[in-house]
Amino acid sequence: MKAFSVWLPGEGIASKRKKDGLPVLVQQTFRWNVLFLGGIALMWSGAWISGSLFLSTSVILTALLGKLWIVPALMLAARFALAAFSAELMEWELRLKGYREAGTVVGPDQATALLRYMDRAIGQTALPPVSDDHIPDPFATAFAGRG
């Protein structure tokens, strides 16, 4: 199972950016393509600002400090950090574009996770109140909306 953060378009977003009103899902994982390709993979996945900043910083550092032995070690550490925190960078860019976070959903792939979120968001029935001392009956919960 994979975890995805769900991002909904905010009120101030242009209609062409809303992508049919569907939420944007960002997978919470270590991104191997970002580890191997760096900023190019980050730009390819939609994080243009972060990817171009990393790419330009790495080119400038290589040009200025190319003869030092520590530059490859710094680049490798920076790519590990970028791959580990790429989901947060993508979420930051979505926040800059006007999206708002709507929670987290879990699924085996992105399409199934989107379906689970849509089921939860649109077709959800109210659950009966639960006290803290017992677990609710799953059959009573499932058939509460049917009459």
C-alpha atoms as a PDB file:
ATOM      1  CA  MET A   1       0.000   0.000   0.000  1.00  0.00           C
ATOM      2  CA  LYS A   2       1.144   3.498  -0.799  1.00  0.00           C
ATOM      3  CA  ALA A   3       0.246   6.713   0.998  1.00  0.00           C
ATOM      4  CA  PHE A   4      -0.814   9.794  -0.957  1.00  0.00           C
ATOM      5  CA  SER A   5      -1.509  13.312   0.242  1.00  0.00           C
ATOM      6  CA  VAL A   6      -4.603  14.822  -1.360  1.00  0.00           C
ATOM      7  CA  TRP A   7      -4.564  18.406  -2.650  1.00  0.00           C
ATOM      8  CA  LEU A   8      -7.684  20.252  -3.813  1.00  0.00           C
ATOM      9  CA  PRO A   9      -7.737  23.372  -5.979  1.00  0.00           C
ATOM     10  CA  GLY A  10      -8.353  26.515  -3.958  1.00  0.00           C
ATOM     11  CA  GLU A  11     -10.762  29.299  -4.745  1.00  0.00           C
ATOM     12  CA  GLY A  12      -8.246  31.579  -6.477  1.00  0.00           C
ATOM     13  CA  ILE A  13      -6.979  29.043  -9.024  1.00  0.00           C
ATOM     14  CA  ALA A  14      -7.657  29.637 -12.698  1.00  0.00           C
ATOM     15  CA  SER A  15     -10.023  27.145 -14.304  1.00  0.00           C
ATOM     16  CA  LYS A  16      -7.359  25.844 -16.702  1.00  0.00           C
ATOM     17  CA  ARG A  17      -5.206  24.750 -13.732  1.00  0.00           C
ATOM     18  CA  LYS A  18      -7.952  22.826 -11.954  1.00  0.00           C
ATOM     19  CA  LYS A  19      -7.592  19.775 -14.227  1.00  0.00           C
ATOM     20  CA  ASP A  20     -11.300  18.886 -14.354  1.00  0.00           C
ATOM     21  CA  GLY A  21     -11.710  19.597 -10.651  1.00  0.00           C
ATOM     22  CA  LEU A  22     -10.013  16.365  -9.620  1.00  0.00           C
ATOM     23  CA  PRO A  23      -7.705  16.413  -6.621  1.00  0.00           C
ATOM     24  CA  VAL A  24      -3.959  16.121  -7.081  1.00  0.00           C
ATOM     25  CA  LEU A  25      -2.350  13.163  -5.318  1.00  0.00           C
ATOM     26  CA  VAL A  26       1.276  13.325  -4.193  1.00  0.00           C
ATOM     27  CA  GLN A  27       2.830   9.977  -3.302  1.00  0.00           C
ATOM     28  CA  GLN A  28       4.706   9.992   0.003  1.00  0.00           C
ATOM     29  CA  THR A  29       7.801   7.985  -0.852  1.00  0.00           C
ATOM     30  CA  PHE A  30      11.509   8.089  -1.593  1.00  0.00           C
ATOM     31  CA  ARG A  31      11.815   8.959  -5.281  1.00  0.00           C
ATOM     32  CA  TRP A  32      14.505   6.921  -6.995  1.00  0.00           C
ATOM     33  CA  ASN A  33      14.217   8.848 -10.256  1.00  0.00           C
ATOM     34  CA  VAL A  34      15.082  12.065  -8.381  1.00  0.00           C
ATOM     35  CA  LEU A  35      18.099  10.341  -6.841  1.00  0.00           C
ATOM     36  CA  PHE A  36      19.468   9.356 -10.248  1.00  0.00           C
ATOM     37  CA  LEU A  37      18.321  12.293 -12.403  1.00  0.00           C
ATOM     38  CA  GLY A  38      18.253  15.106  -9.827  1.00  0.00           C
ATOM     39  CA  GLY A  39      16.454  18.311 -10.699  1.00  0.00           C
ATOM     40  CA  ILE A  40      15.387  17.064 -14.124  1.00  0.00           C
ATOM     41  CA  ALA A  41      13.228  14.343 -12.563  1.00  0.00           C
ATOM     42  CA  LEU A  42      11.781  16.849 -10.115  1.00  0.00           C
ATOM     43  CA  MET A  43      10.844  19.194 -12.959  1.00  0.00           C
ATOM     44  CA  TRP A  44       9.403  16.237 -14.882  1.00  0.00           C
ATOM     45  CA  SER A  45       7.117  15.389 -11.958  1.00  0.00           C
ATOM     46  CA  GLY A  46       5.733  18.929 -11.851  1.00  0.00           C
ATOM     47  CA  ALA A  47       7.933  20.708  -9.303  1.00  0.00           C
ATOM     48  CA  TRP A  48       9.418  23.251 -11.700  1.00  0.00           C
ATOM     49  CA  ILE A  49      10.690  25.749  -9.146  1.00  0.00           C
ATOM     50  CA  SER A  50      12.465  23.246  -6.904  1.00  0.00           C
ATOM     51  CA  GLY A  51      13.858  21.271  -9.813  1.00  0.00           C
ATOM     52  CA  SER A  52      15.246  24.285 -11.629  1.00  0.00           C
ATOM     53  CA  LEU A  53      16.725  25.710  -8.411  1.00  0.00           C
ATOM     54  CA  PHE A  54      18.488  22.430  -7.658  1.00  0.00           C
ATOM     55  CA  LEU A  55      19.692  22.040 -11.224  1.00  0.00           C
ATOM     56  CA  SER A  56      21.059  25.582 -11.433  1.00  0.00           C
ATOM     57  CA  THR A  57      22.699  25.311  -7.988  1.00  0.00           C
ATOM     58  CA  SER A  58      24.397  22.053  -8.914  1.00  0.00           C
ATOM     59  CA  VAL A  59      25.682  23.499 -12.205  1.00  0.00           C
ATOM     60  CA  ILE A  60      27.039  26.613 -10.455  1.00  0.00           C
ATOM     61  CA  LEU A  61      28.696  24.579  -7.687  1.00  0.00           C
ATOM     62  CA  THR A  62      30.275  22.246 -10.209  1.00  0.00           C
ATOM     63  CA  ALA A  63      31.570  25.185 -12.239  1.00  0.00           C
ATOM     64  CA  LEU A  64      32.979  27.021  -9.229  1.00  0.00           C
ATOM     65  CA  LEU A  65      34.259  24.137  -7.142  1.00  0.00           C
ATOM     66  CA  GLY A  66      34.753  21.468  -9.798  1.00  0.00           C
ATOM     67  CA  LYS A  67      38.348  20.708  -8.902  1.00  0.00           C
ATOM     68  CA  LEU A  68      37.715  20.032  -5.223  1.00  0.00           C
ATOM     69  CA  TRP A  69      37.317  16.456  -4.014  1.00  0.00           C
ATOM     70  CA  ILE A  70      34.305  17.277  -1.833  1.00  0.00           C
ATOM     71  CA  VAL A  71      31.968  18.338  -4.660  1.00  0.00           C
ATOM     72  CA  PRO A  72      30.887  14.780  -5.661  1.00  0.00           C
ATOM     73  CA  ALA A  73      30.198  13.947  -2.012  1.00  0.00           C
ATOM     74  CA  LEU A  74      28.128  17.116  -1.626  1.00  0.00           C
ATOM     75  CA  MET A  75      26.186  16.359  -4.796  1.00  0.00           C
ATOM     76  CA  LEU A  76      25.447  12.817  -3.676  1.00  0.00           C
ATOM     77  CA  ALA A  77      24.249  14.010  -0.272  1.00  0.00           C
ATOM     78  CA  ALA A  78      22.140  16.715  -1.889  1.00  0.00           C
ATOM     79  CA  ARG A  79      20.532  14.201  -4.244  1.00  0.00           C
ATOM     80  CA  PHE A  80      19.713  11.861  -1.349  1.00  0.00           C
ATOM     81  CA  ALA A  81      18.108  14.771   0.500  1.00  0.00           C
ATOM     82  CA  LEU A  82      16.228  15.842  -2.619  1.00  0.00           C
ATOM     83  CA  ALA A  83      14.935  12.307  -3.215  1.00  0.00           C
ATOM     84  CA  ALA A  84      13.892  11.906   0.414  1.00  0.00           C
ATOM     85  CA  PHE A  85      12.069  15.246   0.612  1.00  0.00           C
ATOM     86  CA  SER A  86      10.747  15.498  -2.943  1.00  0.00           C
ATOM     87  CA  ALA A  87       7.148  14.900  -1.845  1.00  0.00           C
ATOM     88  CA  GLU A  88       7.367  17.854   0.545  1.00  0.00           C
ATOM     89  CA  LEU A  89       8.864  20.016  -2.217  1.00  0.00           C
ATOM     90  CA  MET A  90       6.020  19.049  -4.566  1.00  0.00           C
ATOM     91  CA  GLU A  91       3.486  19.874  -1.845  1.00  0.00           C
ATOM     92  CA  TRP A  92       5.176  23.239  -1.295  1.00  0.00           C
ATOM     93  CA  GLU A  93       4.812  24.043  -4.984  1.00  0.00           C
ATOM     94  CA  LEU A  94       1.152  23.025  -4.928  1.00  0.00           C
ATOM     95  CA  ARG A  95       0.666  25.368  -1.976  1.00  0.00           C
ATOM     96  CA  LEU A  96       2.315  28.152  -3.996  1.00  0.00           C
ATOM     97  CA  LYS A  97      -0.064  27.468  -6.879  1.00  0.00           C
ATOM     98  CA  GLY A  98      -3.104  27.850  -4.607  1.00  0.00           C
ATOM     99  CA  TYR A  99      -3.962  24.269  -3.741  1.00  0.00           C
ATOM    100  CA  ARG A 100      -4.988  23.274  -0.220  1.00  0.00           C
ATOM    101  CA  GLU A 101      -4.370  19.994   1.561  1.00  0.00           C
ATOM    102  CA  ALA A 102      -7.406  17.783   2.060  1.00  0.00           C
ATOM    103  CA  GLY A 103      -5.934  14.834   3.947  1.00  0.00           C
ATOM    104  CA  THR A 104      -4.254  11.546   3.224  1.00  0.00           C
ATOM    105  CA  VAL A 105      -5.460   8.446   1.422  1.00  0.00           C
ATOM    106  CA  VAL A 106      -3.941   4.982   1.035  1.00  0.00           C
ATOM    107  CA  GLY A 107      -4.140   2.658  -1.955  1.00  0.00           C
ATOM    108  CA  PRO A 108      -2.142   0.163  -4.021  1.00  0.00           C
ATOM    109  CA  ASP A 109      -1.791   2.698  -6.856  1.00  0.00           C
ATOM    110  CA  GLN A 110      -2.757   6.285  -7.630  1.00  0.00           C
ATOM    111  CA  ALA A 111      -6.007   5.474  -9.443  1.00  0.00           C
ATOM    112  CA  THR A 112      -7.313   3.293  -6.614  1.00  0.00           C
ATOM    113  CA  ALA A 113      -6.303   5.878  -4.031  1.00  0.00           C
ATOM    114  CA  LEU A 114      -8.180   8.546  -5.986  1.00  0.00           C
ATOM    115  CA  LEU A 115     -11.278   6.326  -6.083  1.00  0.00           C
ATOM    116  CA  ARG A 116     -11.026   5.739  -2.333  1.00  0.00           C
ATOM    117  CA  TYR A 117     -10.762   9.452  -1.693  1.00  0.00           C
ATOM    118  CA  MET A 118     -13.716  10.238  -3.962  1.00  0.00           C
ATOM    119  CA  ASP A 119     -15.814   7.557  -2.249  1.00  0.00           C
ATOM    120  CA  ARG A 120     -14.919   8.984   1.127  1.00  0.00           C
ATOM    121  CA  ALA A 121     -15.469  12.604   0.111  1.00  0.00           C
ATOM    122  CA  ILE A 122     -18.667  12.305  -1.931  1.00  0.00           C
ATOM    123  CA  GLY A 123     -20.574   9.190  -0.943  1.00  0.00           C
ATOM    124  CA  GLN A 124     -19.811   9.069   2.743  1.00  0.00           C
ATOM    125  CA  THR A 125     -22.655   8.344   5.123  1.00  0.00           C
ATOM    126  CA  ALA A 126     -22.596   9.596   8.654  1.00  0.00           C
ATOM    127  CA  LEU A 127     -21.314   7.048  11.130  1.00  0.00           C
ATOM    128  CA  PRO A 128     -23.256   6.450  14.326  1.00  0.00           C
ATOM    129  CA  PRO A 129     -21.808   8.059  17.458  1.00  0.00           C
ATOM    130  CA  VAL A 130     -19.239   5.910  19.197  1.00  0.00           C
ATOM    131  CA  SER A 131     -18.335   5.961  22.844  1.00  0.00           C
ATOM    132  CA  ASP A 132     -14.747   5.381  23.890  1.00  0.00           C
ATOM    133  CA  ASP A 133     -15.349   2.138  25.748  1.00  0.00           C
ATOM    134  CA  HIS A 134     -16.391  -0.186  22.894  1.00  0.00           C
ATOM    135  CA  ILE A 135     -15.785  -0.847  19.224  1.00  0.00           C
ATOM    136  CA  PRO A 136     -18.785  -0.209  16.937  1.00  0.00           C
ATOM    137  CA  ASP A 137     -20.483  -3.108  15.188  1.00  0.00           C
ATOM    138  CA  PRO A 138     -19.272  -3.058  11.539  1.00  0.00           C
ATOM    139  CA  PHE A 139     -22.601  -4.420  10.251  1.00  0.00           C
ATOM    140  CA  ALA A 140     -24.566  -1.736  12.064  1.00  0.00           C
ATOM    141  CA  THR A 141     -22.253   0.888  10.628  1.00  0.00           C
ATOM    142  CA  ALA A 142     -22.506  -0.510   7.088  1.00  0.00           C
ATOM    143  CA  PHE A 143     -26.293  -0.733   7.121  1.00  0.00           C
ATOM    144  CA  ALA A 144     -26.952   2.520   9.040  1.00  0.00           C
ATOM    145  CA  GLY A 145     -27.684   4.471   5.861  1.00  0.00           C
ATOM    146  CA  ARG A 146     -30.087   1.907   4.426  1.00  0.00           C
ATOM    147  CA  GLY A 147     -33.624   1.951   5.570  1.00  0.00           C
END
